């Protein structure tokens, strides 16, 4: 029981496909992980010429429910870990390649679902609170 990690709200669990053996053959430090709301989450071989756009394309692109404004890139550099948020929608609008995050071997890209957007969380919270407020107001409160 103590060997199992504690799972919390918002955690992401990835179970690789057993038929894709090459996933296991590549050392982690020569690959990049793409997780979350993409067509084919997994670990991909890293090439020096790759950009975040190449990785997203390799992973089947963002799904229909992807929250493309908050893509997270976690760089595992030599000195410290660094996370950066990338807005794919804004990039598509401007085409400014200077905002593309640098991706390197061992890094992780996470594309959240729209269910994890701040607006969705706010709307869900209001949906739960409004009936209580309505009841209080109906009771003259």
N, C-alpha and C. Protein backbone atom coordinates (compact mmCIF):
# COMPACT_ATOMS: atom_id res chain seq x y z
N UNK A 1 0.82 -1.20 0.00
CA UNK A 1 0.00 0.00 0.00
C UNK A 1 0.86 1.26 0.00
N UNK A 2 2.00 1.24 0.69
CA UNK A 2 2.86 2.42 0.75
C UNK A 2 3.64 2.63 -0.54
N UNK A 3 3.70 1.63 -1.40
CA UNK A 3 4.41 1.77 -2.66
C UNK A 3 3.62 2.60 -3.67
N UNK A 4 2.33 2.69 -3.47
CA UNK A 4 1.49 3.43 -4.41
C UNK A 4 1.56 4.92 -4.11
N UNK A 5 1.74 5.73 -5.14
CA UNK A 5 1.78 7.18 -4.92
C UNK A 5 0.40 7.71 -4.58
N UNK A 6 0.36 8.79 -3.85
CA UNK A 6 -0.90 9.45 -3.53
C UNK A 6 -1.36 10.24 -4.76
N UNK A 7 -2.60 10.03 -5.17
CA UNK A 7 -3.17 10.72 -6.33
C UNK A 7 -4.08 11.82 -5.83
N UNK A 8 -3.89 13.01 -6.39
CA UNK A 8 -4.67 14.18 -5.97
C UNK A 8 -5.43 14.76 -7.16
N UNK A 9 -6.40 15.59 -6.87
CA UNK A 9 -7.15 16.29 -7.91
C UNK A 9 -6.19 17.06 -8.80
N UNK A 10 -6.37 16.92 -10.10
CA UNK A 10 -5.51 17.61 -11.06
C UNK A 10 -4.29 16.82 -11.49
N UNK A 11 -4.00 15.69 -10.82
CA UNK A 11 -2.87 14.85 -11.23
C UNK A 11 -3.15 14.24 -12.59
N UNK A 12 -2.09 13.93 -13.32
CA UNK A 12 -2.20 13.30 -14.62
C UNK A 12 -1.49 11.96 -14.55
N UNK A 13 -2.18 10.91 -14.97
CA UNK A 13 -1.59 9.57 -15.00
C UNK A 13 -1.53 9.13 -16.45
N UNK A 14 -0.36 8.69 -16.89
CA UNK A 14 -0.19 8.23 -18.26
C UNK A 14 0.20 6.76 -18.23
N UNK A 15 -0.57 5.92 -18.92
CA UNK A 15 -0.28 4.50 -19.04
C UNK A 15 0.09 4.24 -20.50
N UNK A 16 1.36 3.91 -20.77
CA UNK A 16 1.78 3.72 -22.16
C UNK A 16 1.16 2.47 -22.78
N UNK A 17 1.02 2.49 -24.08
CA UNK A 17 0.49 1.37 -24.84
C UNK A 17 1.53 0.25 -24.83
N UNK A 18 1.12 -0.97 -24.45
CA UNK A 18 2.06 -2.09 -24.36
C UNK A 18 2.63 -2.49 -25.71
N UNK A 19 1.90 -2.21 -26.78
CA UNK A 19 2.37 -2.62 -28.11
C UNK A 19 3.46 -1.71 -28.65
N UNK A 20 3.65 -0.55 -28.06
CA UNK A 20 4.67 0.40 -28.53
C UNK A 20 5.96 0.19 -27.74
N UNK A 21 6.72 -0.84 -28.10
CA UNK A 21 7.93 -1.21 -27.36
C UNK A 21 9.04 -0.17 -27.48
N UNK A 22 9.11 0.54 -28.61
CA UNK A 22 10.20 1.50 -28.77
C UNK A 22 10.11 2.63 -27.75
N UNK A 23 8.91 2.85 -27.20
CA UNK A 23 8.72 3.85 -26.14
C UNK A 23 9.63 3.54 -24.97
N UNK A 24 9.78 2.24 -24.66
CA UNK A 24 10.58 1.83 -23.51
C UNK A 24 12.07 1.76 -23.84
N UNK A 25 12.40 1.58 -25.11
CA UNK A 25 13.79 1.42 -25.52
C UNK A 25 14.58 2.72 -25.48
N UNK A 26 13.93 3.84 -25.70
CA UNK A 26 14.62 5.13 -25.71
C UNK A 26 14.87 5.61 -24.28
N UNK A 27 16.10 6.02 -23.97
CA UNK A 27 16.34 6.56 -22.63
C UNK A 27 15.56 7.86 -22.43
N UNK A 28 15.10 8.08 -21.22
CA UNK A 28 14.27 9.25 -20.91
C UNK A 28 14.96 10.55 -21.27
N UNK A 29 16.29 10.60 -21.14
CA UNK A 29 17.00 11.85 -21.41
C UNK A 29 17.15 12.16 -22.90
N UNK A 30 16.72 11.25 -23.77
CA UNK A 30 16.76 11.54 -25.22
C UNK A 30 15.35 11.69 -25.79
N UNK A 31 14.38 11.81 -24.90
CA UNK A 31 12.99 11.93 -25.34
C UNK A 31 12.33 13.15 -24.71
N UNK A 32 11.15 13.46 -25.22
CA UNK A 32 10.31 14.52 -24.66
C UNK A 32 8.93 13.91 -24.43
N UNK A 33 8.35 14.19 -23.28
CA UNK A 33 7.01 13.69 -22.97
C UNK A 33 5.98 14.74 -23.36
N UNK A 34 4.91 14.28 -24.01
CA UNK A 34 3.79 15.16 -24.35
C UNK A 34 2.56 14.51 -23.73
N UNK A 35 1.96 15.18 -22.76
CA UNK A 35 0.86 14.61 -21.98
C UNK A 35 -0.36 15.51 -22.02
N UNK A 36 -1.49 14.95 -21.63
CA UNK A 36 -2.71 15.73 -21.51
C UNK A 36 -3.61 15.62 -22.73
N UNK A 37 -4.24 16.73 -23.09
CA UNK A 37 -5.27 16.76 -24.12
C UNK A 37 -4.66 16.86 -25.52
N UNK A 38 -3.96 15.77 -25.91
CA UNK A 38 -3.41 15.65 -27.27
C UNK A 38 -3.88 14.32 -27.84
N UNK A 39 -3.81 14.19 -29.16
CA UNK A 39 -4.29 12.98 -29.81
C UNK A 39 -3.57 11.72 -29.39
N UNK A 40 -2.23 11.79 -29.24
CA UNK A 40 -1.43 10.62 -28.88
C UNK A 40 -0.42 10.99 -27.79
N UNK A 41 -0.87 11.04 -26.52
CA UNK A 41 0.07 11.37 -25.46
C UNK A 41 1.16 10.29 -25.39
N UNK A 42 2.36 10.69 -25.03
CA UNK A 42 3.43 9.71 -24.91
C UNK A 42 4.79 10.35 -24.88
N UNK A 43 5.79 9.50 -25.07
CA UNK A 43 7.18 9.93 -25.07
C UNK A 43 7.68 9.88 -26.50
N UNK A 44 8.32 10.95 -26.95
CA UNK A 44 8.77 11.05 -28.33
C UNK A 44 10.26 11.31 -28.38
N UNK A 45 10.91 10.73 -29.40
CA UNK A 45 12.35 10.96 -29.60
C UNK A 45 12.58 12.45 -29.84
N UNK A 46 13.60 12.97 -29.20
CA UNK A 46 13.92 14.39 -29.35
C UNK A 46 14.95 14.56 -30.46
N UNK A 47 14.74 15.56 -31.30
CA UNK A 47 15.72 15.96 -32.31
C UNK A 47 16.04 17.43 -32.07
N UNK A 48 17.28 17.80 -32.26
CA UNK A 48 17.73 19.17 -31.95
C UNK A 48 16.95 20.24 -32.71
N UNK A 49 16.42 19.89 -33.87
CA UNK A 49 15.70 20.89 -34.67
C UNK A 49 14.22 20.99 -34.31
N UNK A 50 13.76 20.22 -33.32
CA UNK A 50 12.33 20.21 -32.96
C UNK A 50 11.90 21.48 -32.25
N UNK A 51 10.69 21.89 -32.56
CA UNK A 51 10.06 22.98 -31.82
C UNK A 51 8.85 22.41 -31.08
N UNK A 52 8.25 23.22 -30.26
CA UNK A 52 7.04 22.79 -29.57
C UNK A 52 5.96 22.42 -30.58
N UNK A 53 5.88 23.15 -31.67
CA UNK A 53 4.88 22.86 -32.71
C UNK A 53 5.11 21.49 -33.32
N UNK A 54 6.39 21.12 -33.55
CA UNK A 54 6.71 19.80 -34.07
C UNK A 54 6.25 18.71 -33.11
N UNK A 55 6.50 18.92 -31.83
CA UNK A 55 6.10 17.93 -30.82
C UNK A 55 4.59 17.77 -30.75
N UNK A 56 3.88 18.89 -30.76
CA UNK A 56 2.42 18.82 -30.72
C UNK A 56 1.89 18.09 -31.95
N UNK A 57 2.48 18.34 -33.11
CA UNK A 57 2.06 17.66 -34.33
C UNK A 57 2.34 16.16 -34.23
N UNK A 58 3.51 15.81 -33.72
CA UNK A 58 3.88 14.40 -33.55
C UNK A 58 2.91 13.69 -32.61
N UNK A 59 2.43 14.41 -31.61
CA UNK A 59 1.51 13.85 -30.62
C UNK A 59 0.05 13.92 -31.08
N UNK A 60 -0.18 14.19 -32.34
CA UNK A 60 -1.55 14.20 -32.86
C UNK A 60 -2.27 15.52 -32.69
N UNK A 61 -1.57 16.53 -32.20
CA UNK A 61 -2.17 17.85 -32.03
C UNK A 61 -3.08 17.92 -30.82
N UNK A 62 -3.44 19.13 -30.41
CA UNK A 62 -4.37 19.30 -29.29
C UNK A 62 -5.74 18.72 -29.66
N UNK A 63 -6.41 18.14 -28.68
CA UNK A 63 -7.76 17.62 -28.90
C UNK A 63 -8.76 18.77 -28.93
N UNK A 64 -10.00 18.46 -29.28
CA UNK A 64 -11.04 19.49 -29.37
C UNK A 64 -11.28 20.18 -28.03
N UNK A 65 -11.06 19.46 -26.92
CA UNK A 65 -11.30 20.07 -25.61
C UNK A 65 -10.02 20.58 -24.94
N UNK A 66 -8.94 20.72 -25.72
CA UNK A 66 -7.67 21.21 -25.15
C UNK A 66 -7.77 22.69 -24.80
N UNK A 67 -7.19 23.04 -23.68
CA UNK A 67 -7.11 24.44 -23.26
C UNK A 67 -5.80 24.99 -23.81
N UNK A 68 -5.83 25.42 -25.06
CA UNK A 68 -4.63 25.77 -25.81
C UNK A 68 -3.95 27.06 -25.35
N UNK A 69 -4.62 27.82 -24.51
CA UNK A 69 -4.04 29.06 -24.01
C UNK A 69 -3.10 28.83 -22.83
N UNK A 70 -3.05 27.62 -22.28
CA UNK A 70 -2.24 27.36 -21.07
C UNK A 70 -1.38 26.10 -21.20
N UNK A 71 -0.75 25.90 -22.35
CA UNK A 71 0.13 24.75 -22.53
C UNK A 71 1.38 24.97 -21.66
N UNK A 72 1.73 23.97 -20.87
CA UNK A 72 2.86 24.09 -19.95
C UNK A 72 4.05 23.30 -20.49
N UNK A 73 5.20 23.95 -20.54
CA UNK A 73 6.44 23.29 -20.94
C UNK A 73 7.37 23.31 -19.73
N UNK A 74 7.75 22.13 -19.26
CA UNK A 74 8.66 22.01 -18.12
C UNK A 74 10.03 21.63 -18.66
N UNK A 75 10.98 22.56 -18.55
CA UNK A 75 12.35 22.32 -19.01
C UNK A 75 13.16 21.76 -17.85
N UNK A 76 13.85 20.68 -18.11
CA UNK A 76 14.74 20.09 -17.11
C UNK A 76 16.17 20.39 -17.50
N UNK A 77 16.57 21.62 -17.31
CA UNK A 77 17.91 22.06 -17.68
C UNK A 77 18.96 21.53 -16.73
N UNK A 78 20.19 21.91 -16.97
CA UNK A 78 21.31 21.42 -16.16
C UNK A 78 21.26 21.95 -14.72
N UNK A 79 20.73 23.13 -14.55
CA UNK A 79 20.85 23.78 -13.25
C UNK A 79 19.57 23.76 -12.42
N UNK A 80 18.43 23.87 -13.09
CA UNK A 80 17.17 23.89 -12.34
C UNK A 80 16.01 23.63 -13.28
N UNK A 81 14.91 23.18 -12.68
CA UNK A 81 13.70 22.98 -13.48
C UNK A 81 13.03 24.33 -13.69
N UNK A 82 12.43 24.50 -14.85
CA UNK A 82 11.76 25.76 -15.16
C UNK A 82 10.51 25.43 -15.95
N UNK A 83 9.38 25.98 -15.52
CA UNK A 83 8.11 25.76 -16.23
C UNK A 83 7.70 27.07 -16.91
N UNK A 84 7.14 26.93 -18.09
CA UNK A 84 6.70 28.10 -18.85
C UNK A 84 5.34 27.79 -19.45
N UNK A 85 4.45 28.78 -19.45
CA UNK A 85 3.13 28.63 -20.04
C UNK A 85 3.15 29.25 -21.44
N UNK A 86 2.57 28.53 -22.39
CA UNK A 86 2.55 28.98 -23.78
C UNK A 86 1.11 29.06 -24.27
N UNK A 87 0.77 30.14 -24.96
CA UNK A 87 -0.57 30.36 -25.50
C UNK A 87 -0.55 30.08 -27.00
N UNK A 88 -1.01 28.89 -27.38
CA UNK A 88 -1.00 28.49 -28.78
C UNK A 88 -1.98 29.32 -29.61
N UNK A 89 -3.09 29.72 -29.01
CA UNK A 89 -4.09 30.53 -29.71
C UNK A 89 -3.49 31.89 -30.08
N UNK A 90 -2.81 32.51 -29.12
CA UNK A 90 -2.17 33.81 -29.38
C UNK A 90 -1.07 33.66 -30.43
N UNK A 91 -0.31 32.57 -30.35
CA UNK A 91 0.73 32.33 -31.34
C UNK A 91 0.13 32.20 -32.74
N UNK A 92 -0.98 31.48 -32.86
CA UNK A 92 -1.64 31.31 -34.16
C UNK A 92 -2.13 32.65 -34.69
N UNK A 93 -2.53 33.54 -33.78
CA UNK A 93 -3.02 34.85 -34.19
C UNK A 93 -1.88 35.75 -34.67
N UNK A 94 -0.74 35.72 -33.95
CA UNK A 94 0.35 36.65 -34.26
C UNK A 94 1.45 36.04 -35.14
N UNK A 95 1.68 34.74 -35.01
CA UNK A 95 2.77 34.10 -35.75
C UNK A 95 4.15 34.48 -35.25
N UNK A 96 4.22 35.03 -34.05
CA UNK A 96 5.49 35.49 -33.47
C UNK A 96 6.30 34.31 -32.94
N UNK A 97 7.28 33.84 -33.72
CA UNK A 97 8.05 32.66 -33.31
C UNK A 97 8.94 32.91 -32.11
N UNK A 98 9.15 34.16 -31.75
CA UNK A 98 9.99 34.45 -30.58
C UNK A 98 9.33 34.01 -29.28
N UNK A 99 8.02 33.76 -29.29
CA UNK A 99 7.34 33.33 -28.07
C UNK A 99 7.30 31.81 -27.92
N UNK A 100 7.78 31.08 -28.93
CA UNK A 100 7.80 29.61 -28.84
C UNK A 100 8.78 29.18 -27.75
N UNK A 101 8.33 28.38 -26.79
CA UNK A 101 9.25 27.91 -25.75
C UNK A 101 10.31 26.98 -26.35
N UNK A 102 11.50 27.06 -25.81
CA UNK A 102 12.56 26.14 -26.20
C UNK A 102 12.28 24.80 -25.54
N UNK A 103 12.40 23.73 -26.32
CA UNK A 103 12.16 22.39 -25.80
C UNK A 103 13.45 21.60 -25.95
N UNK A 104 13.81 20.83 -24.92
CA UNK A 104 15.03 20.04 -24.96
C UNK A 104 14.79 18.62 -24.50
N UNK A 105 15.80 17.77 -24.62
CA UNK A 105 15.65 16.38 -24.19
C UNK A 105 15.33 16.29 -22.71
N UNK A 106 14.42 15.39 -22.36
CA UNK A 106 14.00 15.21 -20.98
C UNK A 106 12.86 16.12 -20.56
N UNK A 107 12.47 17.07 -21.40
CA UNK A 107 11.40 18.01 -21.06
C UNK A 107 10.03 17.35 -21.12
N UNK A 108 9.06 18.01 -20.52
CA UNK A 108 7.67 17.55 -20.54
C UNK A 108 6.78 18.69 -21.01
N UNK A 109 5.87 18.36 -21.93
CA UNK A 109 4.87 19.31 -22.42
C UNK A 109 3.52 18.79 -21.93
N UNK A 110 2.75 19.66 -21.28
CA UNK A 110 1.43 19.27 -20.79
C UNK A 110 0.38 20.20 -21.38
N UNK A 111 -0.61 19.60 -22.05
CA UNK A 111 -1.72 20.36 -22.63
C UNK A 111 -2.95 20.07 -21.77
N UNK A 112 -3.40 21.04 -20.96
CA UNK A 112 -4.57 20.79 -20.11
C UNK A 112 -5.85 20.75 -20.94
N UNK A 113 -6.88 20.16 -20.36
CA UNK A 113 -8.18 20.18 -21.03
C UNK A 113 -8.89 21.47 -20.65
N UNK A 114 -9.88 21.85 -21.44
CA UNK A 114 -10.62 23.09 -21.16
C UNK A 114 -11.33 23.01 -19.82
N UNK A 115 -11.56 21.80 -19.32
CA UNK A 115 -12.19 21.64 -18.00
C UNK A 115 -11.29 22.20 -16.90
N UNK A 116 -10.01 22.39 -17.20
CA UNK A 116 -9.07 22.90 -16.21
C UNK A 116 -8.83 24.40 -16.34
N UNK A 117 -9.58 25.07 -17.20
CA UNK A 117 -9.40 26.52 -17.35
C UNK A 117 -9.96 27.25 -16.14
N UNK A 118 -9.39 28.40 -15.85
CA UNK A 118 -9.86 29.19 -14.71
C UNK A 118 -11.32 29.57 -14.87
N UNK A 119 -11.74 29.92 -16.08
CA UNK A 119 -13.12 30.30 -16.33
C UNK A 119 -14.06 29.14 -16.05
N UNK A 120 -13.70 27.94 -16.49
CA UNK A 120 -14.54 26.76 -16.27
C UNK A 120 -14.66 26.47 -14.78
N UNK A 121 -13.55 26.59 -14.05
CA UNK A 121 -13.58 26.36 -12.61
C UNK A 121 -14.48 27.40 -11.93
N UNK A 122 -14.38 28.66 -12.36
CA UNK A 122 -15.22 29.72 -11.80
C UNK A 122 -16.70 29.46 -12.09
N UNK A 123 -17.01 29.11 -13.34
CA UNK A 123 -18.41 28.84 -13.72
C UNK A 123 -18.96 27.67 -12.92
N UNK A 124 -18.17 26.61 -12.75
CA UNK A 124 -18.62 25.46 -11.97
C UNK A 124 -18.87 25.85 -10.51
N UNK A 125 -17.99 26.68 -9.95
CA UNK A 125 -18.17 27.12 -8.57
C UNK A 125 -19.44 27.95 -8.44
N UNK A 126 -19.67 28.86 -9.40
CA UNK A 126 -20.88 29.68 -9.36
C UNK A 126 -22.13 28.82 -9.51
N UNK A 127 -22.05 27.80 -10.34
CA UNK A 127 -23.18 26.90 -10.53
C UNK A 127 -23.56 26.22 -9.21
N UNK A 128 -22.56 25.95 -8.38
CA UNK A 128 -22.82 25.33 -7.08
C UNK A 128 -23.30 26.35 -6.05
N UNK A 129 -22.84 27.58 -6.15
CA UNK A 129 -23.16 28.61 -5.15
C UNK A 129 -24.52 29.27 -5.42
N UNK A 130 -24.88 29.48 -6.67
CA UNK A 130 -26.10 30.21 -7.01
C UNK A 130 -27.38 29.61 -6.41
N UNK A 131 -27.56 28.28 -6.41
CA UNK A 131 -28.78 27.76 -5.78
C UNK A 131 -28.87 28.10 -4.29
N UNK A 132 -27.73 28.11 -3.60
CA UNK A 132 -27.72 28.45 -2.18
C UNK A 132 -28.10 29.92 -1.99
N UNK A 133 -27.52 30.79 -2.81
CA UNK A 133 -27.85 32.22 -2.74
C UNK A 133 -29.32 32.44 -3.05
N UNK A 134 -29.83 31.75 -4.06
CA UNK A 134 -31.25 31.88 -4.42
C UNK A 134 -32.14 31.44 -3.28
N UNK A 135 -31.77 30.37 -2.60
CA UNK A 135 -32.56 29.87 -1.47
C UNK A 135 -32.55 30.89 -0.33
N UNK A 136 -31.39 31.45 -0.05
CA UNK A 136 -31.29 32.46 1.02
C UNK A 136 -32.14 33.68 0.68
N UNK A 137 -32.08 34.13 -0.57
CA UNK A 137 -32.88 35.29 -0.98
C UNK A 137 -34.38 34.97 -0.94
N UNK A 138 -34.75 33.75 -1.31
CA UNK A 138 -36.16 33.36 -1.29
C UNK A 138 -36.70 33.30 0.13
N UNK A 139 -35.81 33.02 1.08
CA UNK A 139 -36.23 32.94 2.48
C UNK A 139 -36.22 34.32 3.14
N UNK A 140 -35.92 35.34 2.34
CA UNK A 140 -35.95 36.70 2.87
C UNK A 140 -34.64 37.13 3.49
N UNK A 141 -33.58 36.43 3.17
CA UNK A 141 -32.32 36.66 3.83
C UNK A 141 -31.42 37.62 3.26
